[in-house]
């Protein structure tokens, strides 16, 4: 989010400048006199003089010979401080925080685990698109649940033994538990509009939350994934 988001924001600002410049030509005004809102370019103080963005884009192509476009880039100010001579990197400009809770039900006779509920609370900075942020976290939780309970690549001499989904069990719609997403907003000074990335944070804590729920129910810790029915069954037989 920080690098690509800021680069995209810079590109959008460049496009905005082009829109203002072209609209100024069409409206016989200065770019500083034009405001952009509701899909139109308006001349400040004159409610009768405005243009649709679509008309501005068409004018740029048909009359000026080029489409509206913009480029942007972002240089991470922290990246240059990282180096092999230090033995560690310091290239992370922004940190995302999360807390996830899982409720599980375990069949002690078979080792089968059913995830009953998941609550995922995430620091998203400024949430730009609530629906997409919630959907991203929900998808990450589903992926993390499969990672925790069923997905395992079995290899022998470097050859995968279960290369098909018949043998490699991924989480399906029928397996998905109720997921409650809580967006905790803050303001990241380095993110575009104060936003933070939310791509992977929903995946990472899921297996740990499920593992802790299993421990709470059985008193047994698991240090290998997936925590499938076979492993759980045999672990429960141990003293």
Protein backbone atom coordinates (compact mmCIF):
# COMPACT_ATOMS: atom_id res chain seq x y z
CA UNK A 1 0.00 0.00 0.00
CA UNK A 2 2.70 2.51 0.96
CA UNK A 3 4.84 2.23 -2.17
CA UNK A 4 2.25 1.37 -4.81
CA UNK A 5 -0.50 3.41 -3.19
CA UNK A 6 1.59 6.56 -3.09
CA UNK A 7 2.79 5.96 -6.65
CA UNK A 8 -0.83 5.58 -7.77
CA UNK A 9 -1.76 8.75 -5.89
CA UNK A 10 1.04 10.66 -7.62
CA UNK A 11 -0.16 9.36 -11.00
CA UNK A 12 -3.72 10.43 -10.17
CA UNK A 13 -2.49 13.91 -9.25
CA UNK A 14 -0.75 14.10 -12.63
CA UNK A 15 -3.99 13.13 -14.39
CA UNK A 16 -5.86 15.73 -12.34
CA UNK A 17 -3.44 18.41 -13.53
CA UNK A 18 -4.03 17.37 -17.15
CA UNK A 19 -7.80 17.52 -16.64
CA UNK A 20 -7.50 21.04 -15.24
CA UNK A 21 -5.22 22.15 -18.07
CA UNK A 22 -7.50 20.79 -20.81
CA UNK A 23 -10.65 22.06 -19.09
CA UNK A 24 -9.06 25.51 -18.83
CA UNK A 25 -8.61 25.56 -22.61
CA UNK A 26 -12.18 24.45 -23.24
CA UNK A 27 -13.73 26.82 -20.70
CA UNK A 28 -11.46 29.78 -21.47
CA UNK A 29 -10.30 30.00 -17.86
CA UNK A 30 -7.20 29.50 -15.77
CA UNK A 31 -6.56 26.05 -14.24
CA UNK A 32 -6.55 27.68 -10.80
CA UNK A 33 -10.11 28.88 -11.43
CA UNK A 34 -11.48 25.37 -12.00
CA UNK A 35 -12.79 22.91 -9.42
CA UNK A 36 -13.39 19.20 -9.98
CA UNK A 37 -16.42 17.59 -8.38
CA UNK A 38 -19.31 15.26 -9.22
CA UNK A 39 -17.67 14.07 -12.42
CA UNK A 40 -17.41 17.56 -13.88
CA UNK A 41 -15.01 20.48 -14.13
CA UNK A 42 -16.59 23.72 -12.89
CA UNK A 43 -15.50 27.33 -13.20
CA UNK A 44 -15.49 28.72 -9.67
CA UNK A 45 -18.32 31.17 -9.10
CA UNK A 46 -20.07 30.31 -12.37
CA UNK A 47 -22.63 27.54 -12.03
CA UNK A 48 -23.40 27.61 -15.75
CA UNK A 49 -19.89 26.77 -16.98
CA UNK A 50 -18.93 23.15 -16.53
CA UNK A 51 -17.82 20.10 -18.51
CA UNK A 52 -18.13 16.37 -18.04
CA UNK A 53 -14.87 14.50 -17.51
CA UNK A 54 -15.84 12.36 -20.51
CA UNK A 55 -16.04 15.44 -22.74
CA UNK A 56 -12.66 16.64 -21.49
CA UNK A 57 -11.10 13.24 -22.21
CA UNK A 58 -12.62 13.20 -25.70
CA UNK A 59 -11.31 16.72 -26.42
CA UNK A 60 -7.81 15.72 -25.32
CA UNK A 61 -7.78 12.79 -27.76
CA UNK A 62 -9.62 14.35 -30.70
CA UNK A 63 -8.34 17.93 -30.55
CA UNK A 64 -5.02 17.76 -28.72
CA UNK A 65 -3.94 14.37 -30.01
CA UNK A 66 -3.25 12.59 -26.73
CA UNK A 67 -5.26 10.86 -23.99
CA UNK A 68 -5.37 12.06 -20.43
CA UNK A 69 -2.65 10.18 -18.59
CA UNK A 70 -0.29 10.48 -15.68
CA UNK A 71 2.74 8.77 -14.20
CA UNK A 72 3.80 8.57 -10.60
CA UNK A 73 6.55 7.03 -8.53
CA UNK A 74 7.40 6.72 -4.87
CA UNK A 75 10.83 6.46 -3.26
CA UNK A 76 10.84 4.74 0.12
CA UNK A 77 12.81 7.06 2.43
CA UNK A 78 13.68 4.18 4.75
CA UNK A 79 15.00 1.68 2.19
CA UNK A 80 18.46 3.29 1.79
CA UNK A 81 19.14 2.68 5.49
CA UNK A 82 19.00 -1.11 5.05
CA UNK A 83 22.17 -3.02 4.29
CA UNK A 84 23.95 -6.33 4.64
CA UNK A 85 26.61 -4.68 6.76
CA UNK A 86 24.03 -4.19 9.52
CA UNK A 87 22.85 -7.78 9.46
CA UNK A 88 19.21 -6.74 9.23
CA UNK A 89 16.91 -4.64 7.12
CA UNK A 90 15.01 -1.52 8.12
CA UNK A 91 12.93 -1.04 5.02
CA UNK A 92 9.46 -1.28 6.58
CA UNK A 93 8.01 2.20 6.68
CA UNK A 94 4.60 1.29 8.06
CA UNK A 95 3.33 -1.45 10.38
CA UNK A 96 -0.14 -2.96 10.44
CA UNK A 97 -1.57 -4.38 13.67
CA UNK A 98 -4.26 -7.02 14.06
CA UNK A 99 -6.01 -9.24 16.57
CA UNK A 100 -7.94 -12.37 15.57
CA UNK A 101 -10.05 -14.71 17.67
CA UNK A 102 -11.25 -18.16 16.63
CA UNK A 103 -13.87 -20.42 18.22
CA UNK A 104 -13.56 -24.11 17.37
CA UNK A 105 -15.33 -27.38 18.04
CA UNK A 106 -13.31 -30.61 18.18
CA UNK A 107 -14.55 -34.16 17.79
CA UNK A 108 -12.27 -36.10 20.13
CA UNK A 109 -13.20 -39.41 18.49
CA UNK A 110 -12.08 -38.40 15.00
CA UNK A 111 -9.88 -35.34 15.52
CA UNK A 112 -12.09 -33.32 13.19
CA UNK A 113 -12.05 -29.58 13.85
CA UNK A 114 -14.90 -27.26 12.98
CA UNK A 115 -14.32 -23.52 13.07
CA UNK A 116 -17.47 -21.98 14.52
CA UNK A 117 -16.63 -18.27 14.45
CA UNK A 118 -13.78 -15.92 13.64
CA UNK A 119 -13.42 -12.30 14.73
CA UNK A 120 -10.78 -10.29 12.88
CA UNK A 121 -9.91 -6.81 14.12
CA UNK A 122 -7.42 -4.91 11.96
CA UNK A 123 -5.72 -1.54 11.96
CA UNK A 124 -6.35 -0.24 8.45
CA UNK A 125 -5.19 3.33 8.85
CA UNK A 126 -7.75 5.40 6.97
CA UNK A 127 -10.21 2.99 5.36
CA UNK A 128 -10.67 4.19 1.78
CA UNK A 129 -13.14 1.50 0.68
CA UNK A 130 -14.89 -0.25 3.57
CA UNK A 131 -16.50 -3.01 1.50
CA UNK A 132 -13.25 -3.95 -0.21
CA UNK A 133 -11.29 -3.83 3.05
CA UNK A 134 -13.77 -6.13 4.77
CA UNK A 135 -13.81 -8.48 1.78
CA UNK A 136 -10.01 -8.60 1.70
CA UNK A 137 -9.86 -9.58 5.37
CA UNK A 138 -12.62 -12.17 4.98
CA UNK A 139 -10.80 -13.76 2.05
CA UNK A 140 -7.54 -13.78 3.98
CA UNK A 141 -9.21 -15.47 6.96
CA UNK A 142 -10.63 -18.17 4.68
CA UNK A 143 -7.22 -18.76 3.12
CA UNK A 144 -5.58 -18.81 6.55
CA UNK A 145 -8.12 -21.34 7.83
CA UNK A 146 -7.30 -23.72 5.00
CA UNK A 147 -3.60 -23.15 5.67
CA UNK A 148 -4.19 -24.00 9.34
CA UNK A 149 -6.35 -27.10 8.99
CA UNK A 150 -6.18 -28.83 5.62
CA UNK A 151 -3.68 -27.53 3.07
CA UNK A 152 -0.46 -29.54 2.88
CA UNK A 153 1.94 -30.04 -0.01
CA UNK A 154 3.32 -33.58 0.26
CA UNK A 155 6.67 -34.04 -1.48
CA UNK A 156 8.86 -37.08 -2.01
CA UNK A 157 12.27 -36.59 -3.62
CA UNK A 158 11.19 -33.15 -4.76
CA UNK A 159 8.03 -34.39 -6.47
CA UNK A 160 4.64 -33.28 -5.23
CA UNK A 161 2.45 -36.25 -4.35
CA UNK A 162 -0.87 -34.41 -4.17
CA UNK A 163 -0.89 -32.00 -7.13
CA UNK A 164 -4.68 -31.99 -7.54
CA UNK A 165 -7.41 -30.41 -5.48
CA UNK A 166 -8.86 -33.87 -4.88
CA UNK A 167 -5.88 -34.53 -2.58
CA UNK A 168 -4.94 -30.96 -1.67
CA UNK A 169 -7.92 -29.77 0.35
CA UNK A 170 -8.60 -26.04 0.06
CA UNK A 171 -11.32 -24.26 2.02
CA UNK A 172 -14.62 -24.05 0.14
CA UNK A 173 -17.74 -21.95 0.59
CA UNK A 174 -19.35 -24.78 2.55
CA UNK A 175 -16.50 -24.70 5.10
CA UNK A 176 -16.43 -20.97 5.77
CA UNK A 177 -17.45 -19.99 9.32
CA UNK A 178 -19.14 -16.70 10.24
CA UNK A 179 -16.47 -13.99 10.09
CA UNK A 180 -16.86 -10.69 11.91
CA UNK A 181 -14.53 -7.98 10.67
CA UNK A 182 -13.73 -4.96 12.83
CA UNK A 183 -11.88 -2.10 11.15
CA UNK A 184 -9.87 -0.03 13.61
CA UNK A 185 -9.01 3.22 11.90
CA UNK A 186 -5.91 5.27 12.59
CA UNK A 187 -3.95 7.63 10.39
CA UNK A 188 -0.71 6.54 8.80
CA UNK A 189 1.24 9.66 7.86
CA UNK A 190 3.13 7.73 5.18
CA UNK A 191 0.12 6.08 3.54
CA UNK A 192 -2.00 7.53 0.73
CA UNK A 193 -4.82 9.42 2.48
CA UNK A 194 -3.53 7.84 5.71
CA UNK A 195 -4.29 4.27 4.58
CA UNK A 196 -2.40 1.08 5.44
CA UNK A 197 -2.04 -2.18 3.53
CA UNK A 198 -4.47 -4.98 4.35
CA UNK A 199 -3.38 -7.71 1.92
CA UNK A 200 -1.60 -10.26 4.11
CA UNK A 201 -2.38 -9.28 7.73
CA UNK A 202 -5.70 -11.14 7.64
CA UNK A 203 -3.94 -14.38 6.69
CA UNK A 204 -1.02 -14.37 9.13
CA UNK A 205 -2.78 -14.58 12.56
CA UNK A 206 -5.47 -17.08 11.54
CA UNK A 207 -3.54 -20.31 12.13
CA UNK A 208 -2.26 -19.03 15.47
CA UNK A 209 -5.76 -18.10 16.61
CA UNK A 210 -7.08 -21.54 15.65
CA UNK A 211 -4.11 -23.25 17.30
CA UNK A 212 -4.70 -21.32 20.52
CA UNK A 213 -8.39 -22.24 20.42
CA UNK A 214 -7.46 -25.92 20.07
CA UNK A 215 -5.07 -25.58 23.01
CA UNK A 216 -7.78 -23.92 25.10
CA UNK A 217 -10.14 -26.82 24.37
CA UNK A 218 -7.69 -29.73 24.67
CA UNK A 219 -4.56 -28.54 26.45
CA UNK A 220 -2.53 -29.74 23.45
CA UNK A 221 -0.13 -27.54 21.50
CA UNK A 222 0.53 -28.07 17.81
CA UNK A 223 3.77 -26.99 16.18
CA UNK A 224 3.14 -28.32 12.69
CA UNK A 225 0.64 -27.32 10.03
CA UNK A 226 -1.87 -28.26 8.93
CA UNK A 227 -3.60 -29.26 12.15
CA UNK A 228 -5.67 -31.83 10.29
CA UNK A 229 -7.92 -34.51 11.77
CA UNK A 230 -5.24 -37.20 11.69
CA UNK A 231 -2.67 -35.12 13.57
CA UNK A 232 -5.23 -33.91 16.08
CA UNK A 233 -6.53 -37.43 16.71
CA UNK A 234 -3.10 -38.90 17.43
CA UNK A 235 -2.06 -35.87 19.48
CA UNK A 236 -5.12 -36.30 21.68
CA UNK A 237 -4.10 -39.90 22.40
CA UNK A 238 -0.83 -38.75 23.92
CA UNK A 239 -0.53 -38.30 27.67
